[in-house]
Amino acid sequence: MWQRGREADLAGYEVVWRETTAPEWTHVVPAGDPISHTVELSKDNVFFGVRAVNRAGLRSPVAFPAPQR
């Protein structure tokens, strides 16, 4: 889950992940423009993140999720 950005040119979001030993993001799933997305993977061996994409296709830096308790 994340808070939607207020940028006028926001096109949507991407959920990314990688193995804990990988130095770069290896998987990308376009999530559209919701405020949450479910990926059917175990969280044990991967890092997840989310990034915004604008209408020109430019991507923000990846943000890591904060744990929910």
N, C-alpha and C. Protein backbone atom coordinates (compact mmCIF):
# COMPACT_ATOMS: atom_id res chain seq x y z
N MET A 1 0.84 -1.17 0.00
CA MET A 1 0.00 0.00 0.00
C MET A 1 0.89 1.24 0.00
N TRP A 2 0.40 2.30 -0.62
CA TRP A 2 1.11 3.56 -0.64
C TRP A 2 0.13 4.70 -0.81
N GLN A 3 0.60 5.90 -0.56
CA GLN A 3 -0.23 7.08 -0.77
C GLN A 3 -0.02 7.57 -2.20
N ARG A 4 -1.11 7.91 -2.87
CA ARG A 4 -1.02 8.39 -4.23
C ARG A 4 -0.38 9.76 -4.25
N GLY A 5 0.52 9.98 -5.22
CA GLY A 5 1.16 11.27 -5.39
C GLY A 5 0.18 12.29 -5.95
N ARG A 6 0.53 13.56 -5.83
CA ARG A 6 -0.35 14.64 -6.29
C ARG A 6 0.11 15.26 -7.60
N GLU A 7 1.15 14.73 -8.21
CA GLU A 7 1.69 15.30 -9.43
C GLU A 7 0.66 15.23 -10.55
N ALA A 8 0.53 16.31 -11.30
CA ALA A 8 -0.47 16.38 -12.37
C ALA A 8 -0.17 15.40 -13.51
N ASP A 9 1.10 15.08 -13.73
CA ASP A 9 1.45 14.18 -14.84
C ASP A 9 1.68 12.73 -14.40
N LEU A 10 1.23 12.37 -13.20
CA LEU A 10 1.38 11.00 -12.71
C LEU A 10 0.56 10.05 -13.56
N ALA A 11 1.23 9.04 -14.12
CA ALA A 11 0.54 8.05 -14.95
C ALA A 11 0.20 6.78 -14.18
N GLY A 12 1.00 6.45 -13.18
CA GLY A 12 0.75 5.23 -12.41
C GLY A 12 1.98 4.82 -11.62
N TYR A 13 1.98 3.54 -11.26
CA TYR A 13 3.04 3.00 -10.41
C TYR A 13 3.53 1.67 -10.95
N GLU A 14 4.74 1.31 -10.53
CA GLU A 14 5.30 -0.01 -10.81
C GLU A 14 5.74 -0.62 -9.49
N VAL A 15 5.47 -1.90 -9.32
CA VAL A 15 5.99 -2.65 -8.19
C VAL A 15 7.22 -3.40 -8.70
N VAL A 16 8.32 -3.28 -7.98
CA VAL A 16 9.56 -3.93 -8.39
C VAL A 16 10.03 -4.85 -7.28
N TRP A 17 10.84 -5.84 -7.65
CA TRP A 17 11.44 -6.69 -6.64
C TRP A 17 12.71 -7.33 -7.18
N ARG A 18 13.49 -7.84 -6.25
CA ARG A 18 14.75 -8.51 -6.57
C ARG A 18 15.09 -9.48 -5.45
N GLU A 19 15.89 -10.45 -5.78
CA GLU A 19 16.39 -11.36 -4.76
C GLU A 19 17.23 -10.54 -3.77
N THR A 20 17.32 -10.99 -2.55
CA THR A 20 18.06 -10.24 -1.53
C THR A 20 19.54 -10.11 -1.88
N THR A 21 20.05 -10.98 -2.72
CA THR A 21 21.46 -10.94 -3.10
C THR A 21 21.70 -10.18 -4.40
N ALA A 22 20.64 -9.77 -5.10
CA ALA A 22 20.79 -9.07 -6.37
C ALA A 22 21.06 -7.58 -6.14
N PRO A 23 21.97 -6.98 -6.91
CA PRO A 23 22.28 -5.57 -6.71
C PRO A 23 21.29 -4.61 -7.36
N GLU A 24 20.50 -5.09 -8.32
CA GLU A 24 19.56 -4.23 -9.04
C GLU A 24 18.19 -4.88 -9.11
N TRP A 25 17.17 -4.08 -9.39
CA TRP A 25 15.80 -4.60 -9.54
C TRP A 25 15.74 -5.49 -10.76
N THR A 26 15.17 -6.67 -10.60
CA THR A 26 15.13 -7.65 -11.69
C THR A 26 13.73 -7.90 -12.23
N HIS A 27 12.70 -7.50 -11.50
CA HIS A 27 11.32 -7.74 -11.91
C HIS A 27 10.50 -6.46 -11.75
N VAL A 28 9.63 -6.23 -12.70
CA VAL A 28 8.76 -5.05 -12.69
C VAL A 28 7.35 -5.47 -13.07
N VAL A 29 6.36 -5.01 -12.31
CA VAL A 29 4.95 -5.25 -12.63
C VAL A 29 4.25 -3.89 -12.68
N PRO A 30 3.71 -3.51 -13.84
CA PRO A 30 2.92 -2.28 -13.87
C PRO A 30 1.70 -2.44 -12.97
N ALA A 31 1.49 -1.48 -12.08
CA ALA A 31 0.38 -1.58 -11.13
C ALA A 31 -0.76 -0.63 -11.47
N GLY A 32 -0.62 0.17 -12.50
CA GLY A 32 -1.66 1.13 -12.82
C GLY A 32 -1.65 2.28 -11.83
N ASP A 33 -2.83 2.77 -11.48
CA ASP A 33 -2.92 3.92 -10.59
C ASP A 33 -3.74 3.64 -9.33
N PRO A 34 -3.53 2.50 -8.69
CA PRO A 34 -4.20 2.23 -7.42
C PRO A 34 -3.34 2.73 -6.26
N ILE A 35 -3.73 2.40 -5.05
CA ILE A 35 -2.89 2.70 -3.89
C ILE A 35 -2.40 1.43 -3.21
N SER A 36 -2.63 0.29 -3.87
CA SER A 36 -2.09 -0.97 -3.37
C SER A 36 -2.01 -1.97 -4.52
N HIS A 37 -1.17 -2.98 -4.32
CA HIS A 37 -1.02 -4.03 -5.33
C HIS A 37 -0.52 -5.28 -4.60
N THR A 38 -1.01 -6.43 -5.00
CA THR A 38 -0.60 -7.69 -4.39
C THR A 38 0.25 -8.48 -5.37
N VAL A 39 1.40 -8.93 -4.89
CA VAL A 39 2.28 -9.79 -5.67
C VAL A 39 2.34 -11.12 -4.95
N GLU A 40 2.01 -12.18 -5.64
CA GLU A 40 1.94 -13.51 -5.03
C GLU A 40 3.32 -14.16 -4.95
N LEU A 41 4.16 -13.61 -4.09
CA LEU A 41 5.50 -14.14 -3.85
C LEU A 41 5.78 -14.17 -2.36
N SER A 42 6.63 -15.09 -1.96
CA SER A 42 7.08 -15.10 -0.57
C SER A 42 8.01 -13.91 -0.34
N LYS A 43 7.85 -13.23 0.77
CA LYS A 43 8.70 -12.08 1.09
C LYS A 43 10.02 -12.50 1.73
N ASP A 44 10.22 -13.80 1.91
CA ASP A 44 11.40 -14.27 2.62
C ASP A 44 12.71 -13.98 1.90
N ASN A 45 12.72 -14.08 0.57
CA ASN A 45 13.97 -13.99 -0.16
C ASN A 45 14.04 -12.85 -1.16
N VAL A 46 13.13 -11.89 -1.07
CA VAL A 46 13.13 -10.78 -2.01
C VAL A 46 12.92 -9.45 -1.29
N PHE A 47 13.38 -8.40 -1.93
CA PHE A 47 13.08 -7.03 -1.51
C PHE A 47 12.06 -6.48 -2.48
N PHE A 48 11.04 -5.79 -1.97
CA PHE A 48 10.02 -5.16 -2.79
C PHE A 48 10.17 -3.64 -2.73
N GLY A 49 9.68 -2.98 -3.75
CA GLY A 49 9.63 -1.53 -3.74
C GLY A 49 8.55 -1.06 -4.70
N VAL A 50 8.30 0.23 -4.68
CA VAL A 50 7.31 0.83 -5.59
C VAL A 50 7.89 2.13 -6.12
N ARG A 51 7.58 2.43 -7.37
CA ARG A 51 8.02 3.69 -7.95
C ARG A 51 6.92 4.28 -8.81
N ALA A 52 6.91 5.61 -8.88
CA ALA A 52 5.92 6.32 -9.69
C ALA A 52 6.45 6.45 -11.12
N VAL A 53 5.51 6.53 -12.05
CA VAL A 53 5.85 6.73 -13.47
C VAL A 53 4.99 7.89 -13.97
N ASN A 54 5.64 8.85 -14.67
CA ASN A 54 4.84 9.95 -15.20
C ASN A 54 4.44 9.68 -16.65
N ARG A 55 3.67 10.57 -17.23
CA ARG A 55 3.16 10.36 -18.59
C ARG A 55 4.25 10.29 -19.64
N ALA A 56 5.40 10.89 -19.36
CA ALA A 56 6.53 10.84 -20.29
C ALA A 56 7.34 9.56 -20.14
N GLY A 57 6.97 8.71 -19.16
CA GLY A 57 7.69 7.45 -18.94
C GLY A 57 8.86 7.55 -17.98
N LEU A 58 9.05 8.71 -17.38
CA LEU A 58 10.12 8.87 -16.40
C LEU A 58 9.71 8.23 -15.08
N ARG A 59 10.67 7.59 -14.42
CA ARG A 59 10.39 6.84 -13.19
C ARG A 59 11.07 7.49 -11.99
N SER A 60 10.40 7.44 -10.87
CA SER A 60 10.97 7.96 -9.62
C SER A 60 11.94 6.94 -9.05
N PRO A 61 12.76 7.33 -8.08
CA PRO A 61 13.54 6.33 -7.34
C PRO A 61 12.58 5.37 -6.63
N VAL A 62 13.03 4.16 -6.43
CA VAL A 62 12.20 3.14 -5.76
C VAL A 62 12.11 3.44 -4.27
N ALA A 63 10.92 3.32 -3.72
CA ALA A 63 10.68 3.48 -2.29
C ALA A 63 10.41 2.10 -1.68
N PHE A 64 11.05 1.84 -0.55
CA PHE A 64 10.82 0.57 0.15
C PHE A 64 9.61 0.71 1.06
N PRO A 65 8.83 -0.36 1.20
CA PRO A 65 7.66 -0.29 2.08
C PRO A 65 8.07 -0.30 3.55
N ALA A 66 7.29 0.37 4.35
CA ALA A 66 7.45 0.32 5.80
C ALA A 66 6.64 -0.86 6.32
N PRO A 67 7.15 -1.64 7.23
CA PRO A 67 6.40 -2.79 7.75
C PRO A 67 5.13 -2.34 8.49
N GLN A 68 4.05 -3.09 8.29
CA GLN A 68 2.82 -2.84 9.03
C GLN A 68 2.80 -3.72 10.25
N ARG A 69 2.38 -3.16 11.34
CA ARG A 69 2.32 -3.95 12.58
C ARG A 69 0.96 -3.86 13.18
